[in-house]
N, C-alpha and C. Protein backbone atom coordinates (compact mmCIF):
# COMPACT_ATOMS: atom_id res chain seq x y z
N UNK A 1 159.02 126.29 256.95
CA UNK A 1 160.41 126.08 256.60
C UNK A 1 160.95 127.21 255.72
N UNK A 2 160.14 127.61 254.75
CA UNK A 2 160.55 128.72 253.88
C UNK A 2 160.77 129.99 254.69
N UNK A 3 159.90 130.20 255.69
CA UNK A 3 160.07 131.40 256.52
C UNK A 3 161.35 131.32 257.33
N UNK A 4 161.71 130.13 257.78
CA UNK A 4 162.96 129.97 258.53
C UNK A 4 164.15 130.33 257.66
N UNK A 5 164.12 129.93 256.38
CA UNK A 5 165.20 130.28 255.47
C UNK A 5 165.19 131.79 255.20
N UNK A 6 163.98 132.36 255.07
CA UNK A 6 163.87 133.81 254.85
C UNK A 6 164.50 134.58 256.00
N UNK A 7 164.21 134.15 257.23
CA UNK A 7 164.64 134.90 258.41
C UNK A 7 166.10 134.63 258.77
N UNK A 8 166.62 133.45 258.40
CA UNK A 8 167.97 133.08 258.83
C UNK A 8 168.98 132.95 257.69
N UNK A 9 168.50 133.11 256.45
CA UNK A 9 169.39 133.00 255.31
C UNK A 9 169.55 131.55 254.86
N UNK A 10 170.34 131.32 253.79
CA UNK A 10 170.56 129.97 253.27
C UNK A 10 170.98 129.02 254.39
N UNK A 11 170.33 127.86 254.43
CA UNK A 11 170.54 126.92 255.54
C UNK A 11 170.71 125.50 255.03
N UNK A 12 171.46 124.70 255.79
CA UNK A 12 171.58 123.29 255.47
C UNK A 12 170.36 122.55 256.00
N UNK A 13 170.16 121.33 255.50
CA UNK A 13 169.04 120.52 255.99
C UNK A 13 169.20 120.25 257.48
N UNK A 14 170.43 120.03 257.93
CA UNK A 14 170.67 119.76 259.35
C UNK A 14 170.33 120.96 260.20
N UNK A 15 170.69 122.15 259.72
CA UNK A 15 170.39 123.36 260.47
C UNK A 15 168.88 123.59 260.56
N UNK A 16 168.18 123.31 259.47
CA UNK A 16 166.73 123.46 259.48
C UNK A 16 166.08 122.47 260.45
N UNK A 17 166.58 121.23 260.46
CA UNK A 17 166.04 120.22 261.37
C UNK A 17 166.21 120.64 262.82
N UNK A 18 167.41 121.15 263.15
CA UNK A 18 167.67 121.58 264.53
C UNK A 18 166.83 122.80 264.89
N UNK A 19 166.70 123.73 263.96
CA UNK A 19 165.98 124.97 264.21
C UNK A 19 164.48 124.75 264.39
N UNK A 20 163.94 123.81 263.60
CA UNK A 20 162.49 123.60 263.60
C UNK A 20 162.06 122.40 264.43
N UNK A 21 163.03 121.65 264.95
CA UNK A 21 162.68 120.49 265.76
C UNK A 21 162.08 119.37 264.95
N UNK A 22 162.55 119.20 263.70
CA UNK A 22 162.03 118.16 262.82
C UNK A 22 163.08 117.08 262.59
N UNK A 23 162.64 115.91 262.18
CA UNK A 23 163.58 114.85 261.84
C UNK A 23 164.22 115.16 260.49
N UNK A 24 165.41 114.64 260.22
CA UNK A 24 166.04 114.84 258.90
C UNK A 24 165.14 114.39 257.76
N UNK A 25 164.41 113.28 257.95
CA UNK A 25 163.53 112.77 256.90
C UNK A 25 162.40 113.77 256.61
N UNK A 26 161.84 114.37 257.66
CA UNK A 26 160.76 115.34 257.48
C UNK A 26 161.27 116.59 256.76
N UNK A 27 162.47 117.02 257.13
CA UNK A 27 163.06 118.18 256.47
C UNK A 27 163.28 117.90 254.99
N UNK A 28 163.76 116.72 254.67
CA UNK A 28 164.01 116.36 253.28
C UNK A 28 162.71 116.37 252.47
N UNK A 29 161.64 115.86 253.07
CA UNK A 29 160.34 115.86 252.37
C UNK A 29 159.90 117.28 252.06
N UNK A 30 160.00 118.16 253.06
CA UNK A 30 159.61 119.56 252.87
C UNK A 30 160.49 120.23 251.82
N UNK A 31 161.79 119.98 251.89
CA UNK A 31 162.70 120.59 250.93
C UNK A 31 162.43 120.10 249.50
N UNK A 32 162.15 118.79 249.37
CA UNK A 32 161.84 118.26 248.05
C UNK A 32 160.62 118.95 247.45
N UNK A 33 159.61 119.18 248.29
CA UNK A 33 158.40 119.86 247.81
C UNK A 33 158.70 121.29 247.41
N UNK A 34 159.48 122.01 248.23
CA UNK A 34 159.84 123.39 247.93
C UNK A 34 160.69 123.48 246.67
N UNK A 35 161.57 122.50 246.48
CA UNK A 35 162.39 122.46 245.27
C UNK A 35 161.52 122.24 244.04
N UNK A 36 160.56 121.33 244.15
CA UNK A 36 159.67 121.03 243.03
C UNK A 36 158.83 122.25 242.66
N UNK A 37 158.43 123.02 243.66
CA UNK A 37 157.60 124.21 243.43
C UNK A 37 158.43 125.41 243.00
N UNK A 38 159.75 125.28 243.02
CA UNK A 38 160.60 126.39 242.63
C UNK A 38 160.74 127.45 243.72
N UNK A 39 160.44 127.10 244.96
CA UNK A 39 160.50 128.06 246.05
C UNK A 39 161.92 128.19 246.64
N UNK A 40 162.68 127.11 246.56
CA UNK A 40 164.06 127.13 247.06
C UNK A 40 164.98 126.54 246.01
N UNK A 41 166.27 126.79 246.16
CA UNK A 41 167.27 126.23 245.26
C UNK A 41 168.49 125.84 246.07
N UNK A 42 169.18 124.77 245.67
CA UNK A 42 170.38 124.35 246.39
C UNK A 42 171.58 125.20 245.98
N UNK A 43 172.45 125.43 246.90
CA UNK A 43 173.68 126.19 246.62
C UNK A 43 174.85 125.50 247.28
N UNK A 44 175.99 125.59 246.63
CA UNK A 44 177.22 125.07 247.23
C UNK A 44 177.71 126.07 248.27
N UNK A 45 178.14 125.61 249.42
CA UNK A 45 178.68 126.54 250.43
C UNK A 45 179.97 127.17 249.95
N UNK A 46 180.28 128.33 250.48
CA UNK A 46 181.53 128.99 250.11
C UNK A 46 182.71 128.15 250.59
N UNK A 47 183.80 128.16 249.84
CA UNK A 47 184.95 127.31 250.21
C UNK A 47 185.44 127.52 251.63
N UNK A 48 185.47 128.77 252.07
CA UNK A 48 186.01 129.03 253.42
C UNK A 48 185.07 128.56 254.51
N UNK A 49 183.82 128.22 254.09
CA UNK A 49 182.87 127.76 255.11
C UNK A 49 183.02 126.28 255.41
N UNK A 50 183.76 125.55 254.56
CA UNK A 50 183.91 124.10 254.76
C UNK A 50 184.79 123.82 255.97
N UNK A 51 184.37 122.89 256.78
CA UNK A 51 185.13 122.52 257.96
C UNK A 51 185.12 120.99 258.08
N UNK A 52 186.20 120.42 258.53
CA UNK A 52 186.24 118.99 258.77
C UNK A 52 186.35 118.19 257.49
N UNK A 53 186.14 116.88 257.62
CA UNK A 53 186.28 115.99 256.49
C UNK A 53 184.97 115.85 255.73
N UNK A 54 185.10 115.32 254.53
CA UNK A 54 183.90 115.05 253.73
C UNK A 54 183.43 116.27 252.97
N UNK A 55 182.47 115.99 252.12
CA UNK A 55 181.92 117.06 251.30
C UNK A 55 181.00 117.94 252.14
N UNK A 56 181.16 119.27 252.06
CA UNK A 56 180.30 120.13 252.86
C UNK A 56 178.83 120.03 252.45
N UNK A 57 177.94 120.17 253.41
CA UNK A 57 176.51 120.05 253.14
C UNK A 57 176.01 121.21 252.28
N UNK A 58 175.03 120.90 251.43
CA UNK A 58 174.45 121.94 250.57
C UNK A 58 173.64 122.91 251.40
N UNK A 59 173.61 124.13 250.92
CA UNK A 59 172.74 125.14 251.50
C UNK A 59 171.48 125.26 250.65
N UNK A 60 170.38 125.59 251.27
CA UNK A 60 169.12 125.81 250.56
C UNK A 60 168.71 127.26 250.75
N UNK A 61 168.52 127.95 249.62
CA UNK A 61 168.19 129.38 249.64
C UNK A 61 166.86 129.62 248.94
N UNK A 62 166.18 130.69 249.32
CA UNK A 62 164.93 131.05 248.66
C UNK A 62 165.20 131.58 247.25
N UNK A 63 164.35 131.21 246.31
CA UNK A 63 164.38 131.79 244.98
C UNK A 63 163.55 133.08 244.98
N UNK A 64 163.55 133.79 243.86
CA UNK A 64 162.72 134.99 243.76
C UNK A 64 161.25 134.64 243.95
N UNK A 65 160.83 133.50 243.39
CA UNK A 65 159.44 133.06 243.56
C UNK A 65 159.14 132.76 245.02
N UNK A 66 160.13 132.19 245.71
CA UNK A 66 159.94 131.90 247.13
C UNK A 66 159.77 133.17 247.95
N UNK A 67 160.53 134.19 247.63
CA UNK A 67 160.40 135.46 248.33
C UNK A 67 159.06 136.14 248.04
N UNK A 68 158.61 135.98 246.79
CA UNK A 68 157.35 136.60 246.41
C UNK A 68 156.15 136.00 247.14
N UNK A 69 156.33 134.79 247.68
CA UNK A 69 155.23 134.15 248.41
C UNK A 69 154.93 134.86 249.73
N UNK A 70 155.86 135.67 250.20
CA UNK A 70 155.66 136.41 251.43
C UNK A 70 155.16 137.82 251.13
N UNK A 71 154.51 138.43 252.09
CA UNK A 71 153.97 139.78 251.89
C UNK A 71 155.10 140.73 251.55
N UNK A 72 154.95 141.42 250.41
CA UNK A 72 155.97 142.36 249.97
C UNK A 72 155.50 143.82 250.02
N UNK A 73 154.18 144.03 250.15
CA UNK A 73 153.61 145.38 250.22
C UNK A 73 153.92 146.20 248.96
N UNK A 74 154.05 145.51 247.83
CA UNK A 74 154.29 146.24 246.59
C UNK A 74 153.10 147.14 246.24
N UNK A 75 151.88 146.64 246.51
CA UNK A 75 150.70 147.43 246.19
C UNK A 75 150.71 148.75 246.95
N UNK A 76 151.06 148.71 248.24
CA UNK A 76 151.11 149.93 249.04
C UNK A 76 152.15 150.90 248.49
N UNK A 77 153.29 150.36 248.10
CA UNK A 77 154.35 151.21 247.56
C UNK A 77 153.91 151.85 246.25
N UNK A 78 153.28 151.05 245.36
CA UNK A 78 152.82 151.58 244.07
C UNK A 78 151.75 152.64 244.27
N UNK A 79 150.82 152.40 245.19
CA UNK A 79 149.76 153.37 245.44
C UNK A 79 150.33 154.67 246.01
N UNK A 80 151.29 154.54 246.92
CA UNK A 80 151.92 155.74 247.48
C UNK A 80 152.63 156.54 246.38
N UNK A 81 153.31 155.84 245.48
CA UNK A 81 154.03 156.52 244.40
C UNK A 81 153.05 157.25 243.48
N UNK A 82 151.92 156.62 243.16
CA UNK A 82 150.95 157.26 242.28
C UNK A 82 150.24 158.42 242.98
N UNK A 83 150.02 158.31 244.29
CA UNK A 83 149.44 159.44 245.02
C UNK A 83 150.38 160.64 244.97
N UNK A 84 151.67 160.38 245.15
CA UNK A 84 152.66 161.45 245.08
C UNK A 84 152.66 162.06 243.68
N UNK A 85 152.58 161.21 242.66
CA UNK A 85 152.57 161.69 241.28
C UNK A 85 151.33 162.55 241.02
N UNK A 86 150.19 162.12 241.55
CA UNK A 86 148.96 162.89 241.37
C UNK A 86 149.04 164.24 242.07
N UNK A 87 149.65 164.25 243.27
CA UNK A 87 149.76 165.49 244.04
C UNK A 87 150.72 166.48 243.39
N UNK A 88 151.79 165.97 242.80
CA UNK A 88 152.82 166.85 242.24
C UNK A 88 152.63 167.15 240.76
N UNK A 89 152.04 166.21 240.04
CA UNK A 89 151.90 166.41 238.59
C UNK A 89 150.47 166.44 238.09
N UNK A 90 149.52 166.13 238.97
CA UNK A 90 148.12 166.15 238.57
C UNK A 90 147.68 164.83 237.94
N UNK A 91 146.37 164.76 237.64
CA UNK A 91 145.80 163.54 237.08
C UNK A 91 146.41 163.19 235.72
N UNK A 92 146.79 164.21 234.96
CA UNK A 92 147.39 163.93 233.65
C UNK A 92 148.71 163.17 233.78
N UNK A 93 149.44 163.47 234.84
CA UNK A 93 150.71 162.76 235.07
C UNK A 93 150.45 161.29 235.37
N UNK A 94 149.40 161.01 236.12
CA UNK A 94 149.04 159.62 236.42
C UNK A 94 148.65 158.90 235.14
N UNK A 95 147.86 159.59 234.28
CA UNK A 95 147.44 158.98 233.03
C UNK A 95 148.64 158.74 232.12
N UNK A 96 149.57 159.67 232.11
CA UNK A 96 150.78 159.50 231.29
C UNK A 96 151.57 158.28 231.77
N UNK A 97 151.64 158.11 233.07
CA UNK A 97 152.33 156.92 233.61
C UNK A 97 151.61 155.65 233.20
N UNK A 98 150.27 155.66 233.31
CA UNK A 98 149.49 154.47 232.95
C UNK A 98 149.70 154.10 231.49
N UNK A 99 149.74 155.11 230.62
CA UNK A 99 149.97 154.83 229.20
C UNK A 99 151.39 154.33 228.95
N UNK A 100 152.33 154.89 229.66
CA UNK A 100 153.72 154.45 229.52
C UNK A 100 153.86 152.99 229.94
N UNK A 101 153.11 152.60 230.94
CA UNK A 101 153.20 151.24 231.46
C UNK A 101 152.84 150.20 230.40
N UNK A 102 151.89 150.50 229.53
CA UNK A 102 151.45 149.53 228.53
C UNK A 102 151.99 149.86 227.13
N UNK A 103 152.94 150.77 227.08
CA UNK A 103 153.43 151.25 225.78
C UNK A 103 154.17 150.17 225.00
N UNK A 104 154.67 149.15 225.67
CA UNK A 104 155.41 148.09 224.97
C UNK A 104 154.48 147.03 224.37
N UNK A 105 153.20 147.07 224.71
CA UNK A 105 152.29 146.02 224.27
C UNK A 105 152.18 145.94 222.75
N UNK A 106 152.22 147.10 222.08
CA UNK A 106 152.07 147.11 220.62
C UNK A 106 153.23 146.39 219.94
N UNK A 107 154.44 146.65 220.40
CA UNK A 107 155.61 145.98 219.82
C UNK A 107 155.55 144.48 220.09
N UNK A 108 155.13 144.10 221.29
CA UNK A 108 155.02 142.69 221.62
C UNK A 108 153.94 142.02 220.78
N UNK A 109 152.84 142.74 220.53
CA UNK A 109 151.77 142.20 219.70
C UNK A 109 152.29 141.91 218.29
N UNK A 110 153.02 142.85 217.71
CA UNK A 110 153.56 142.66 216.36
C UNK A 110 154.50 141.46 216.32
N UNK A 111 155.31 141.31 217.35
CA UNK A 111 156.25 140.19 217.41
C UNK A 111 155.52 138.85 217.47
N UNK A 112 154.52 138.75 218.34
CA UNK A 112 153.80 137.50 218.51
C UNK A 112 152.89 137.20 217.33
N UNK A 113 152.31 138.24 216.74
CA UNK A 113 151.45 138.02 215.57
C UNK A 113 152.25 137.39 214.43
N UNK A 114 153.50 137.80 214.29
CA UNK A 114 154.34 137.24 213.24
C UNK A 114 154.68 135.78 213.47
N UNK A 115 154.81 135.38 214.73
CA UNK A 115 155.19 134.00 215.04
C UNK A 115 153.99 133.09 215.30
N UNK A 116 152.79 133.67 215.36
CA UNK A 116 151.57 132.87 215.58
C UNK A 116 150.49 133.27 214.57
N UNK A 117 150.72 132.99 213.28
CA UNK A 117 149.74 133.39 212.26
C UNK A 117 148.42 132.65 212.37
N UNK A 118 148.41 131.54 213.11
CA UNK A 118 147.18 130.76 213.25
C UNK A 118 146.19 131.39 214.24
N UNK A 119 146.63 132.39 215.00
CA UNK A 119 145.78 133.01 216.02
C UNK A 119 145.10 134.27 215.49
N UNK A 120 143.92 134.54 216.03
CA UNK A 120 143.24 135.79 215.69
C UNK A 120 143.95 136.93 216.40
N UNK A 121 143.74 138.18 215.94
CA UNK A 121 144.37 139.31 216.63
C UNK A 121 144.05 139.35 218.13
N UNK A 122 142.81 139.05 218.48
CA UNK A 122 142.43 139.06 219.90
C UNK A 122 143.18 138.00 220.68
N UNK A 123 143.38 136.82 220.07
CA UNK A 123 144.11 135.75 220.74
C UNK A 123 145.58 136.10 220.91
N UNK A 124 146.15 136.79 219.94
CA UNK A 124 147.54 137.26 220.07
C UNK A 124 147.63 138.26 221.21
N UNK A 125 146.64 139.15 221.28
CA UNK A 125 146.64 140.15 222.35
C UNK A 125 146.52 139.47 223.72
N UNK A 126 145.75 138.39 223.79
CA UNK A 126 145.64 137.64 225.05
C UNK A 126 147.01 137.10 225.47
N UNK A 127 147.81 136.66 224.50
CA UNK A 127 149.16 136.19 224.82
C UNK A 127 150.01 137.32 225.39
N UNK A 128 149.86 138.51 224.81
CA UNK A 128 150.62 139.67 225.30
C UNK A 128 150.25 139.94 226.76
N UNK A 129 148.95 140.00 227.04
CA UNK A 129 148.52 140.27 228.41
C UNK A 129 148.96 139.16 229.36
N UNK A 130 148.91 137.92 228.90
CA UNK A 130 149.33 136.81 229.76
C UNK A 130 150.81 136.90 230.10
N UNK A 131 151.60 137.42 229.16
CA UNK A 131 153.04 137.64 229.44
C UNK A 131 153.23 138.55 230.64
N UNK A 132 152.27 139.43 230.86
CA UNK A 132 152.39 140.41 231.93
C UNK A 132 151.56 140.04 233.16
N UNK A 133 151.17 138.78 233.24
CA UNK A 133 150.53 138.29 234.46
C UNK A 133 149.03 138.39 234.52
N UNK A 134 148.36 138.59 233.37
CA UNK A 134 146.91 138.78 233.39
C UNK A 134 146.11 137.49 233.19
N UNK A 135 146.76 136.38 232.86
CA UNK A 135 146.06 135.11 232.61
C UNK A 135 144.88 135.33 231.67
N UNK A 136 145.17 135.88 230.50
CA UNK A 136 144.12 136.29 229.56
C UNK A 136 143.75 135.19 228.58
N UNK A 137 142.51 135.24 228.12
CA UNK A 137 142.02 134.31 227.10
C UNK A 137 140.93 135.01 226.31
N UNK A 138 140.50 134.36 225.23
CA UNK A 138 139.47 134.94 224.36
C UNK A 138 138.27 134.01 224.30
N UNK A 139 137.09 134.59 224.43
CA UNK A 139 135.85 133.84 224.29
C UNK A 139 135.03 134.42 223.15
N UNK A 140 134.29 133.56 222.50
CA UNK A 140 133.39 134.01 221.46
C UNK A 140 132.15 134.61 222.11
N UNK A 141 131.63 135.68 221.52
CA UNK A 141 130.45 136.36 222.03
C UNK A 141 129.49 136.59 220.87
N UNK A 142 128.22 136.85 221.16
CA UNK A 142 127.23 137.06 220.09
C UNK A 142 127.60 138.18 219.13
N UNK A 143 128.33 139.18 219.62
CA UNK A 143 128.66 140.32 218.76
C UNK A 143 130.13 140.37 218.38
N UNK A 144 130.87 139.31 218.66
CA UNK A 144 132.29 139.31 218.35
C UNK A 144 133.07 138.43 219.30
N UNK A 145 134.06 139.02 219.97
CA UNK A 145 134.88 138.29 220.92
C UNK A 145 134.96 139.05 222.23
N UNK A 146 135.34 138.33 223.28
CA UNK A 146 135.59 138.95 224.57
C UNK A 146 136.99 138.60 225.03
N UNK A 147 137.76 139.61 225.38
CA UNK A 147 139.07 139.40 225.98
C UNK A 147 138.86 139.32 227.49
N UNK A 148 139.16 138.16 228.07
CA UNK A 148 138.91 137.93 229.50
C UNK A 148 140.24 137.80 230.23
N UNK A 149 140.40 138.58 231.28
CA UNK A 149 141.60 138.54 232.10
C UNK A 149 141.22 137.98 233.47
N UNK A 150 141.67 136.75 233.74
CA UNK A 150 141.30 136.08 234.99
C UNK A 150 142.04 136.66 236.19
N UNK A 151 143.11 137.37 235.93
CA UNK A 151 143.91 137.96 237.01
C UNK A 151 144.34 139.35 236.60
N UNK A 152 144.44 140.25 237.56
CA UNK A 152 144.96 141.59 237.29
C UNK A 152 146.06 141.89 238.29
N UNK A 153 147.31 141.99 237.85
CA UNK A 153 148.41 142.21 238.78
C UNK A 153 148.41 143.58 239.44
N UNK A 154 147.56 144.49 238.95
CA UNK A 154 147.52 145.84 239.53
C UNK A 154 146.13 146.18 240.05
N UNK A 155 145.31 145.18 240.33
CA UNK A 155 143.91 145.43 240.65
C UNK A 155 143.73 146.31 241.89
N UNK A 156 144.55 146.09 242.93
CA UNK A 156 144.37 146.86 244.16
C UNK A 156 144.70 148.34 243.93
N UNK A 157 145.72 148.59 243.14
CA UNK A 157 146.10 149.97 242.85
C UNK A 157 145.10 150.59 241.86
N UNK A 158 144.64 149.80 240.89
CA UNK A 158 143.70 150.31 239.89
C UNK A 158 142.35 150.67 240.51
N UNK A 159 142.03 150.09 241.65
CA UNK A 159 140.79 150.46 242.33
C UNK A 159 140.80 151.94 242.70
N UNK A 160 141.96 152.43 243.09
CA UNK A 160 142.10 153.85 243.44
C UNK A 160 142.46 154.69 242.23
N UNK A 161 143.17 154.09 241.28
CA UNK A 161 143.62 154.83 240.10
C UNK A 161 143.09 154.15 238.83
N UNK A 162 141.86 154.46 238.44
CA UNK A 162 141.25 153.82 237.26
C UNK A 162 141.97 154.15 235.96
N UNK A 163 142.90 155.10 236.00
CA UNK A 163 143.68 155.41 234.79
C UNK A 163 144.42 154.19 234.29
N UNK A 164 144.79 153.27 235.19
CA UNK A 164 145.48 152.05 234.77
C UNK A 164 144.59 151.21 233.87
N UNK A 165 143.31 151.10 234.24
CA UNK A 165 142.36 150.36 233.41
C UNK A 165 142.07 151.10 232.11
N UNK A 166 141.96 152.42 232.20
CA UNK A 166 141.68 153.22 231.00
C UNK A 166 142.80 153.08 229.97
N UNK A 167 144.03 153.08 230.44
CA UNK A 167 145.17 152.94 229.52
C UNK A 167 145.18 151.57 228.86
N UNK A 168 144.81 150.53 229.62
CA UNK A 168 144.73 149.20 229.04
C UNK A 168 143.66 149.16 227.94
N UNK A 169 142.50 149.75 228.21
CA UNK A 169 141.42 149.77 227.22
C UNK A 169 141.86 150.52 225.98
N UNK A 170 142.56 151.62 226.15
CA UNK A 170 143.06 152.40 225.01
C UNK A 170 144.01 151.57 224.15
N UNK A 171 144.91 150.85 224.78
CA UNK A 171 145.91 150.10 224.01
C UNK A 171 145.25 148.91 223.30
N UNK A 172 144.24 148.30 223.92
CA UNK A 172 143.51 147.22 223.26
C UNK A 172 142.84 147.75 221.99
N UNK A 173 142.17 148.89 222.13
CA UNK A 173 141.48 149.51 220.99
C UNK A 173 142.46 149.88 219.89
N UNK A 174 143.58 150.46 220.28
CA UNK A 174 144.57 150.91 219.29
C UNK A 174 145.20 149.72 218.56
N UNK A 175 145.54 148.67 219.28
CA UNK A 175 146.17 147.51 218.67
C UNK A 175 145.22 146.82 217.70
N UNK A 176 143.96 146.67 218.11
CA UNK A 176 142.99 145.95 217.27
C UNK A 176 142.35 146.84 216.22
N UNK A 177 142.55 148.15 216.33
CA UNK A 177 142.03 149.07 215.33
C UNK A 177 140.53 149.19 215.32
N UNK A 178 139.92 149.11 216.48
CA UNK A 178 138.47 149.26 216.57
C UNK A 178 138.07 149.71 217.96
N UNK A 179 136.87 150.21 218.08
CA UNK A 179 136.37 150.60 219.40
C UNK A 179 136.06 149.36 220.21
N UNK A 180 136.52 149.33 221.46
CA UNK A 180 136.21 148.22 222.36
C UNK A 180 135.56 148.79 223.62
N UNK A 181 134.93 147.92 224.38
CA UNK A 181 134.24 148.37 225.58
C UNK A 181 134.53 147.46 226.75
N UNK A 182 134.97 148.05 227.84
CA UNK A 182 135.19 147.29 229.06
C UNK A 182 133.83 147.02 229.71
N UNK A 183 133.54 145.74 229.91
CA UNK A 183 132.27 145.36 230.53
C UNK A 183 132.41 145.12 232.03
N UNK A 184 133.61 144.73 232.47
CA UNK A 184 133.83 144.43 233.89
C UNK A 184 135.31 144.52 234.19
N UNK A 185 135.62 144.83 235.45
CA UNK A 185 137.02 144.88 235.88
C UNK A 185 137.15 144.29 237.27
N UNK A 186 138.23 143.57 237.49
CA UNK A 186 138.52 143.02 238.81
C UNK A 186 138.72 144.15 239.82
N UNK A 187 139.30 145.25 239.35
CA UNK A 187 139.59 146.38 240.25
C UNK A 187 138.33 146.94 240.89
N UNK A 188 137.18 146.76 240.24
CA UNK A 188 135.93 147.30 240.78
C UNK A 188 135.00 146.19 241.25
N UNK A 189 135.58 145.04 241.60
CA UNK A 189 134.82 144.00 242.27
C UNK A 189 134.29 142.88 241.41
N UNK A 190 134.52 142.93 240.11
CA UNK A 190 134.07 141.84 239.24
C UNK A 190 135.06 140.68 239.30
N UNK A 191 134.59 139.50 238.96
CA UNK A 191 135.46 138.34 239.03
C UNK A 191 136.49 138.26 237.93
N UNK A 192 136.19 138.87 236.79
CA UNK A 192 137.07 138.82 235.62
C UNK A 192 137.04 140.17 234.93
N UNK A 193 138.18 140.62 234.42
CA UNK A 193 138.20 141.80 233.56
C UNK A 193 137.74 141.36 232.17
N UNK A 194 136.68 141.97 231.68
CA UNK A 194 136.10 141.55 230.40
C UNK A 194 136.00 142.74 229.46
N UNK A 195 136.55 142.57 228.26
CA UNK A 195 136.51 143.62 227.25
C UNK A 195 135.81 143.08 226.01
N UNK A 196 134.78 143.78 225.57
CA UNK A 196 134.03 143.38 224.37
C UNK A 196 134.75 143.89 223.13
N UNK A 197 135.03 142.98 222.20
CA UNK A 197 135.68 143.32 220.94
C UNK A 197 134.68 143.02 219.82
N UNK A 198 133.99 144.02 219.30
CA UNK A 198 132.95 143.76 218.30
C UNK A 198 133.53 143.26 216.99
N UNK A 199 132.75 142.45 216.30
CA UNK A 199 133.14 141.95 214.98
C UNK A 199 132.73 142.98 213.94
N UNK A 200 133.68 143.71 213.42
CA UNK A 200 133.36 144.79 212.48
C UNK A 200 133.05 144.26 211.08
N UNK A 201 133.21 142.95 210.87
CA UNK A 201 132.91 142.40 209.54
C UNK A 201 131.45 142.03 209.39
N UNK A 202 130.72 142.08 210.50
CA UNK A 202 129.30 141.75 210.42
C UNK A 202 128.58 142.80 209.57
N UNK A 203 127.63 142.37 208.81
CA UNK A 203 126.85 143.26 207.95
C UNK A 203 125.53 143.54 208.62
N UNK A 204 125.25 144.80 208.84
CA UNK A 204 124.01 145.19 209.50
C UNK A 204 122.88 145.32 208.49
N UNK A 205 121.69 144.83 208.84
CA UNK A 205 120.57 144.97 207.94
C UNK A 205 120.14 146.42 207.87
N UNK A 206 119.65 146.86 206.68
CA UNK A 206 119.14 148.22 206.57
C UNK A 206 117.71 148.27 207.09
N UNK A 207 117.12 149.42 206.96
CA UNK A 207 115.80 149.62 207.57
C UNK A 207 114.73 148.77 206.91
N UNK A 208 114.98 148.25 205.70
CA UNK A 208 114.01 147.39 205.03
C UNK A 208 114.24 145.91 205.30
N UNK A 209 115.30 145.64 206.13
CA UNK A 209 115.58 144.27 206.47
C UNK A 209 116.54 143.58 205.54
N UNK A 210 116.98 144.26 204.48
CA UNK A 210 117.94 143.67 203.56
C UNK A 210 119.35 143.98 204.01
N UNK A 211 120.31 143.16 203.62
CA UNK A 211 121.68 143.41 204.01
C UNK A 211 122.22 144.59 203.24
N UNK A 212 123.05 145.40 203.93
CA UNK A 212 123.62 146.57 203.31
C UNK A 212 124.97 146.26 202.72
C-alpha cells in the first residue's frame, strides 16, 4: 500500500481500494497501521479538488519516514562523492570532510552534559552519538568503560573510507580528554562498534607491588 502511494501520490482510501483490489475495511486496517507507524499522514484535499456533495475524502500521503523505508541509494551517492573528493583533493581532503562531519559533537556534548549532571562523560557522549543514529550505550569494562554503538548510519561508506571511523575515534578522545581505542567496528564486519575508554583514575601498582 505504501508503494502504491509512493508511485501514485497522495490517495484516498477509496482510490487505494480500487487500485489494489482490496475491500474498504482491509484498506482502513492497513492505513491505521501505517498511521500508527508514522509512515503515512492524512491530508485535506485541495479546495478545487472537491466535487459533489458532502465532505471530500481525506488523502493519505507518505511521510519522510515512509519514504525512507524504500531504497534511496544514499550510500552509493555518499561513496561516489567521497571517491570524487579523494580523486580531486587527495586522502587529506577525505579526512578533513570526516572531521568536519563530527565537528558539532563537542558543542552537543557540552550542552547535554549541562542538562544531565547525573550521567558520566561517556554516557553523555552516548547520548550525542544516539542523536545521530548510532544507538549508543555505555558498558562497564574491567579497565574502564566501553562506548558501544549498535548501529552505524555510515557503515557501508566507512568500509571503503575508514577516515570516517578515524574521525569518530579522534572526537571521542578529544571530548573525553584521554586516549581511547577502537576495539571493533560495524564497517569492518563486527556486530557492534566498540570503543574502550580507560579509567585514568585507577592507581597502578609499582614494581614492588605497592600503590603509587
